[in-house]
Amino acid sequence: MPEAFTVRRTVEADWPEVRRLRLEMLADTPLAYLETLAHAERRSEAEWRSWARDGSSADAITVVAITGGGRWVATMMSKVPFGASGPYLLGVYVAPDMRGKDAGVTDALLGEIERWASTRGDTLTLEVHELNGRARAAYAQRGFVETGVTVPYPLDRSQREIQMVKSLAPVS
């Protein structure tokens, strides 16, 4: 039976857990993010506080899944990047033992992101590393489709990121 969890947005006081989860995700799947573990480990407390605070800002959302025992097991973020026409899904991570449809974590967090994003655009866009087949499959199962657009992966420009997009129903 899947472990029970709650979903909520981050606030500034969450910075130690935001940091811990970010370091965990960078160690688990380094090619999934645009930051190295070494870089993240050098971030200051002020940077972590800002990151956590931004999760509840008007311009961004970061949601986390927390087990009944207080363990942070997943996170997702969305914002409309400067110059973009709509919201992007960023920083997605689910701990290995909480992955899969049966656990429900991915769908719970994505539902919160989609509700927020639907007030800012009619699509939700993401970029996923070409070699991250697990993530590509998970996004496809949830209605994201590849657009055919690719961009160089910033940490190794010989690799690519694949753009995927999902249509969002407007909030009424």
C-alpha atoms as a PDB file:
ATOM      1  CA  MET A   1       0.000   0.000   0.000  1.00  0.00           C
ATOM      2  CA  PRO A   2       1.403   3.432  -0.945  1.00  0.00           C
ATOM      3  CA  GLU A   3       2.577   5.671   1.886  1.00  0.00           C
ATOM      4  CA  ALA A   4       0.273   8.578   2.783  1.00  0.00           C
ATOM      5  CA  PHE A   5       1.508  12.076   2.024  1.00  0.00           C
ATOM      6  CA  THR A   6       0.356  15.680   1.932  1.00  0.00           C
ATOM      7  CA  VAL A   7       1.010  18.257  -0.769  1.00  0.00           C
ATOM      8  CA  ARG A   8       1.703  21.913  -0.106  1.00  0.00           C
ATOM      9  CA  ARG A   9       3.606  24.936  -1.361  1.00  0.00           C
ATOM     10  CA  THR A  10       6.967  25.868   0.086  1.00  0.00           C
ATOM     11  CA  VAL A  11       7.579  28.904   2.290  1.00  0.00           C
ATOM     12  CA  GLU A  12      10.827  30.533   3.409  1.00  0.00           C
ATOM     13  CA  ALA A  13      11.014  28.566   6.673  1.00  0.00           C
ATOM     14  CA  ASP A  14      11.230  25.371   4.606  1.00  0.00           C
ATOM     15  CA  TRP A  15      14.686  26.243   3.284  1.00  0.00           C
ATOM     16  CA  PRO A  16      16.579  23.426   5.083  1.00  0.00           C
ATOM     17  CA  GLU A  17      14.248  20.787   3.605  1.00  0.00           C
ATOM     18  CA  VAL A  18      14.241  22.490   0.190  1.00  0.00           C
ATOM     19  CA  ARG A  19      18.029  22.306   0.265  1.00  0.00           C
ATOM     20  CA  ARG A  20      18.108  18.680   1.417  1.00  0.00           C
ATOM     21  CA  LEU A  21      15.637  17.573  -1.271  1.00  0.00           C
ATOM     22  CA  ARG A  22      17.475  19.521  -3.997  1.00  0.00           C
ATOM     23  CA  LEU A  23      20.770  17.861  -3.073  1.00  0.00           C
ATOM     24  CA  GLU A  24      19.045  14.457  -3.048  1.00  0.00           C
ATOM     25  CA  MET A  25      17.579  14.980  -6.514  1.00  0.00           C
ATOM     26  CA  LEU A  26      20.852  16.195  -7.991  1.00  0.00           C
ATOM     27  CA  ALA A  27      22.639  13.130  -6.601  1.00  0.00           C
ATOM     28  CA  ASP A  28      19.888  10.751  -7.796  1.00  0.00           C
ATOM     29  CA  THR A  29      19.463  11.955 -11.392  1.00  0.00           C
ATOM     30  CA  PRO A  30      22.134  14.526 -12.288  1.00  0.00           C
ATOM     31  CA  LEU A  31      21.262  14.758 -15.997  1.00  0.00           C
ATOM     32  CA  ALA A  32      17.698  15.815 -15.171  1.00  0.00           C
ATOM     33  CA  TYR A  33      18.664  19.257 -13.895  1.00  0.00           C
ATOM     34  CA  LEU A  34      20.525  22.311 -15.082  1.00  0.00           C
ATOM     35  CA  GLU A  35      22.690  22.515 -11.974  1.00  0.00           C
ATOM     36  CA  THR A  36      25.429  20.303 -10.617  1.00  0.00           C
ATOM     37  CA  LEU A  37      25.472  18.914  -7.102  1.00  0.00           C
ATOM     38  CA  ALA A  38      28.743  20.776  -6.441  1.00  0.00           C
ATOM     39  CA  HIS A  39      27.126  24.075  -7.445  1.00  0.00           C
ATOM     40  CA  ALA A  40      24.076  23.493  -5.274  1.00  0.00           C
ATOM     41  CA  GLU A  41      26.235  22.594  -2.277  1.00  0.00           C
ATOM     42  CA  ARG A  42      27.890  26.042  -2.532  1.00  0.00           C
ATOM     43  CA  ARG A  43      24.600  27.982  -2.407  1.00  0.00           C
ATOM     44  CA  SER A  44      24.219  30.302   0.562  1.00  0.00           C
ATOM     45  CA  GLU A  45      21.466  30.140   3.161  1.00  0.00           C
ATOM     46  CA  ALA A  46      20.051  33.361   1.687  1.00  0.00           C
ATOM     47  CA  GLU A  47      19.757  31.668  -1.722  1.00  0.00           C
ATOM     48  CA  TRP A  48      17.981  28.657  -0.201  1.00  0.00           C
ATOM     49  CA  ARG A  49      15.623  30.926   1.735  1.00  0.00           C
ATOM     50  CA  SER A  50      14.773  32.800  -1.463  1.00  0.00           C
ATOM     51  CA  TRP A  51      14.227  29.538  -3.351  1.00  0.00           C
ATOM     52  CA  ALA A  52      11.860  28.246  -0.658  1.00  0.00           C
ATOM     53  CA  ARG A  53      10.029  31.610  -0.404  1.00  0.00           C
ATOM     54  CA  ASP A  54       9.495  31.743  -4.174  1.00  0.00           C
ATOM     55  CA  GLY A  55       7.415  28.568  -3.919  1.00  0.00           C
ATOM     56  CA  SER A  56       4.541  30.649  -2.557  1.00  0.00           C
ATOM     57  CA  SER A  57       5.080  33.800  -4.603  1.00  0.00           C
ATOM     58  CA  ALA A  58       2.604  35.256  -7.076  1.00  0.00           C
ATOM     59  CA  ASP A  59       4.955  34.484  -9.975  1.00  0.00           C
ATOM     60  CA  ALA A  60       5.933  30.892  -9.205  1.00  0.00           C
ATOM     61  CA  ILE A  61       4.818  27.783  -7.408  1.00  0.00           C
ATOM     62  CA  THR A  62       6.816  25.012  -5.808  1.00  0.00           C
ATOM     63  CA  VAL A  63       4.878  22.097  -4.383  1.00  0.00           C
ATOM     64  CA  VAL A  64       6.245  19.275  -2.277  1.00  0.00           C
ATOM     65  CA  ALA A  65       4.972  15.924  -1.064  1.00  0.00           C
ATOM     66  CA  ILE A  66       5.620  15.167   2.599  1.00  0.00           C
ATOM     67  CA  THR A  67       4.933  11.809   4.232  1.00  0.00           C
ATOM     68  CA  GLY A  68       3.095  11.484   7.524  1.00  0.00           C
ATOM     69  CA  GLY A  69       6.484  10.958   9.146  1.00  0.00           C
ATOM     70  CA  GLY A  70       7.714  14.321   7.837  1.00  0.00           C
ATOM     71  CA  ARG A  71       9.933  13.041   5.026  1.00  0.00           C
ATOM     72  CA  TRP A  72      10.000  15.246   1.933  1.00  0.00           C
ATOM     73  CA  VAL A  73       9.700  12.853  -1.017  1.00  0.00           C
ATOM     74  CA  ALA A  74       8.911  14.953  -4.085  1.00  0.00           C
ATOM     75  CA  THR A  75       8.892  18.421  -5.577  1.00  0.00           C
ATOM     76  CA  MET A  76       7.789  20.282  -8.715  1.00  0.00           C
ATOM     77  CA  MET A  77       8.002  23.927  -9.687  1.00  0.00           C
ATOM     78  CA  SER A  78       6.345  26.099 -12.308  1.00  0.00           C
ATOM     79  CA  LYS A  79       6.769  29.653 -13.452  1.00  0.00           C
ATOM     80  CA  VAL A  80       6.544  31.700 -16.621  1.00  0.00           C
ATOM     81  CA  PRO A  81      10.186  32.302 -17.570  1.00  0.00           C
ATOM     82  CA  PHE A  82      11.176  35.737 -18.826  1.00  0.00           C
ATOM     83  CA  GLY A  83      10.265  35.968 -22.502  1.00  0.00           C
ATOM     84  CA  ALA A  84       8.106  32.819 -22.498  1.00  0.00           C
ATOM     85  CA  SER A  85       4.471  32.873 -23.536  1.00  0.00           C
ATOM     86  CA  GLY A  86       3.307  30.473 -20.834  1.00  0.00           C
ATOM     87  CA  PRO A  87       4.244  28.410 -17.797  1.00  0.00           C
ATOM     88  CA  TYR A  88       7.026  25.831 -17.658  1.00  0.00           C
ATOM     89  CA  LEU A  89       7.319  22.769 -15.437  1.00  0.00           C
ATOM     90  CA  LEU A  90      10.731  22.699 -13.731  1.00  0.00           C
ATOM     91  CA  GLY A  91      12.679  20.872 -11.049  1.00  0.00           C
ATOM     92  CA  VAL A  92      10.614  17.685 -10.978  1.00  0.00           C
ATOM     93  CA  TYR A  93      11.747  15.003  -8.544  1.00  0.00           C
ATOM     94  CA  VAL A  94      10.089  12.037  -6.882  1.00  0.00           C
ATOM     95  CA  ALA A  95      12.102   9.817  -4.529  1.00  0.00           C
ATOM     96  CA  PRO A  96      12.647   6.337  -5.994  1.00  0.00           C
ATOM     97  CA  ASP A  97      10.454   4.584  -3.420  1.00  0.00           C
ATOM     98  CA  MET A  98       7.554   6.977  -4.155  1.00  0.00           C
ATOM     99  CA  ARG A  99       7.567   6.728  -7.977  1.00  0.00           C
ATOM    100  CA  GLY A 100       4.883   5.116 -10.099  1.00  0.00           C
ATOM    101  CA  LYS A 101       1.164   5.502 -10.677  1.00  0.00           C
ATOM    102  CA  ASP A 102       0.208   3.496  -7.590  1.00  0.00           C
ATOM    103  CA  ALA A 103       2.055   5.851  -5.237  1.00  0.00           C
ATOM    104  CA  GLY A 104       0.081   8.814  -6.630  1.00  0.00           C
ATOM    105  CA  VAL A 105       2.761  11.373  -5.772  1.00  0.00           C
ATOM    106  CA  THR A 106       3.547  12.529  -9.310  1.00  0.00           C
ATOM    107  CA  ASP A 107      -0.116  12.968 -10.193  1.00  0.00           C
ATOM    108  CA  ALA A 108      -0.908  14.824  -6.968  1.00  0.00           C
ATOM    109  CA  LEU A 109       1.898  17.332  -7.466  1.00  0.00           C
ATOM    110  CA  LEU A 110       1.250  17.705 -11.178  1.00  0.00           C
ATOM    111  CA  GLY A 111      -2.423  18.401 -10.469  1.00  0.00           C
ATOM    112  CA  GLU A 112      -1.459  21.329  -8.227  1.00  0.00           C
ATOM    113  CA  ILE A 113       0.983  22.641 -10.819  1.00  0.00           C
ATOM    114  CA  GLU A 114      -1.594  22.363 -13.611  1.00  0.00           C
ATOM    115  CA  ARG A 115      -4.239  24.256 -11.585  1.00  0.00           C
ATOM    116  CA  TRP A 116      -1.780  27.092 -11.019  1.00  0.00           C
ATOM    117  CA  ALA A 117      -0.437  27.028 -14.587  1.00  0.00           C
ATOM    118  CA  SER A 118      -3.913  27.049 -16.154  1.00  0.00           C
ATOM    119  CA  THR A 119      -4.433  30.562 -14.784  1.00  0.00           C
ATOM    120  CA  ARG A 120      -1.332  31.699 -16.667  1.00  0.00           C
ATOM    121  CA  GLY A 121      -1.626  29.959 -20.020  1.00  0.00           C
ATOM    122  CA  ASP A 122      -3.303  27.207 -22.004  1.00  0.00           C
ATOM    123  CA  THR A 123      -0.277  24.909 -22.131  1.00  0.00           C
ATOM    124  CA  LEU A 124       2.365  23.648 -19.738  1.00  0.00           C
ATOM    125  CA  THR A 125       5.815  23.206 -21.275  1.00  0.00           C
ATOM    126  CA  LEU A 126       8.867  21.308 -20.084  1.00  0.00           C
ATOM    127  CA  GLU A 127      12.264  20.263 -21.347  1.00  0.00           C
ATOM    128  CA  VAL A 128      13.564  16.778 -20.575  1.00  0.00           C
ATOM    129  CA  HIS A 129      17.008  15.325 -21.238  1.00  0.00           C
ATOM    130  CA  GLU A 130      17.064  13.065 -24.290  1.00  0.00           C
ATOM    131  CA  LEU A 131      18.564  10.203 -22.247  1.00  0.00           C
ATOM    132  CA  ASN A 132      15.998  10.425 -19.432  1.00  0.00           C
ATOM    133  CA  GLY A 133      13.653   7.801 -20.837  1.00  0.00           C
ATOM    134  CA  ARG A 134      11.914   7.195 -17.510  1.00  0.00           C
ATOM    135  CA  ALA A 135      10.893  10.844 -17.233  1.00  0.00           C
ATOM    136  CA  ARG A 136       9.888  11.093 -20.896  1.00  0.00           C
ATOM    137  CA  ALA A 137       7.608   8.073 -20.484  1.00  0.00           C
ATOM    138  CA  ALA A 138       6.101   9.441 -17.263  1.00  0.00           C
ATOM    139  CA  TYR A 139       5.328  12.773 -18.932  1.00  0.00           C
ATOM    140  CA  ALA A 140       3.835  11.069 -22.004  1.00  0.00           C
ATOM    141  CA  GLN A 141       1.565   8.984 -19.735  1.00  0.00           C
ATOM    142  CA  ARG A 142       0.292  12.245 -18.267  1.00  0.00           C
ATOM    143  CA  GLY A 143      -0.581  13.891 -21.577  1.00  0.00           C
ATOM    144  CA  PHE A 144       2.640  15.662 -22.544  1.00  0.00           C
ATOM    145  CA  VAL A 145       3.657  15.342 -26.185  1.00  0.00           C
ATOM    146  CA  GLU A 146       7.009  15.994 -27.812  1.00  0.00           C
ATOM    147  CA  THR A 147       6.935  19.128 -29.983  1.00  0.00           C
ATOM    148  CA  GLY A 148       9.950  18.279 -32.136  1.00  0.00           C
ATOM    149  CA  VAL A 149      11.859  21.206 -30.643  1.00  0.00           C
ATOM    150  CA  THR A 150      15.195  20.413 -29.022  1.00  0.00           C
ATOM    151  CA  VAL A 151      17.750  22.620 -27.332  1.00  0.00           C
ATOM    152  CA  PRO A 152      21.320  21.934 -26.237  1.00  0.00           C
ATOM    153  CA  TYR A 153      21.634  20.627 -22.683  1.00  0.00           C
ATOM    154  CA  PRO A 154      23.429  23.480 -20.880  1.00  0.00           C
ATOM    155  CA  LEU A 155      25.756  21.229 -18.864  1.00  0.00           C
ATOM    156  CA  ASP A 156      26.916  19.324 -21.974  1.00  0.00           C
ATOM    157  CA  ARG A 157      26.062  21.049 -25.243  1.00  0.00           C
ATOM    158  CA  SER A 158      26.672  17.821 -27.199  1.00  0.00           C
ATOM    159  CA  GLN A 159      23.474  16.468 -25.600  1.00  0.00           C
ATOM    160  CA  ARG A 160      19.900  17.658 -26.148  1.00  0.00           C
ATOM    161  CA  GLU A 161      16.804  18.505 -24.184  1.00  0.00           C
ATOM    162  CA  ILE A 162      13.480  17.619 -25.749  1.00  0.00           C
ATOM    163  CA  GLN A 163      10.565  20.003 -25.424  1.00  0.00           C
ATOM    164  CA  MET A 164       7.220  18.511 -24.394  1.00  0.00           C
ATOM    165  CA  VAL A 165       3.915  20.318 -23.973  1.00  0.00           C
ATOM    166  CA  LYS A 166       0.544  19.570 -22.429  1.00  0.00           C
ATOM    167  CA  SER A 167      -2.716  21.382 -23.115  1.00  0.00           C
ATOM    168  CA  LEU A 168      -4.414  22.749 -20.011  1.00  0.00           C
ATOM    169  CA  ALA A 169      -8.107  23.190 -19.467  1.00  0.00           C
ATOM    170  CA  PRO A 170      -8.875  26.764 -18.404  1.00  0.00           C
ATOM    171  CA  VAL A 171      -9.955  27.315 -14.798  1.00  0.00           C
ATOM    172  CA  SER A 172     -13.532  28.576 -14.618  1.00  0.00           C
END
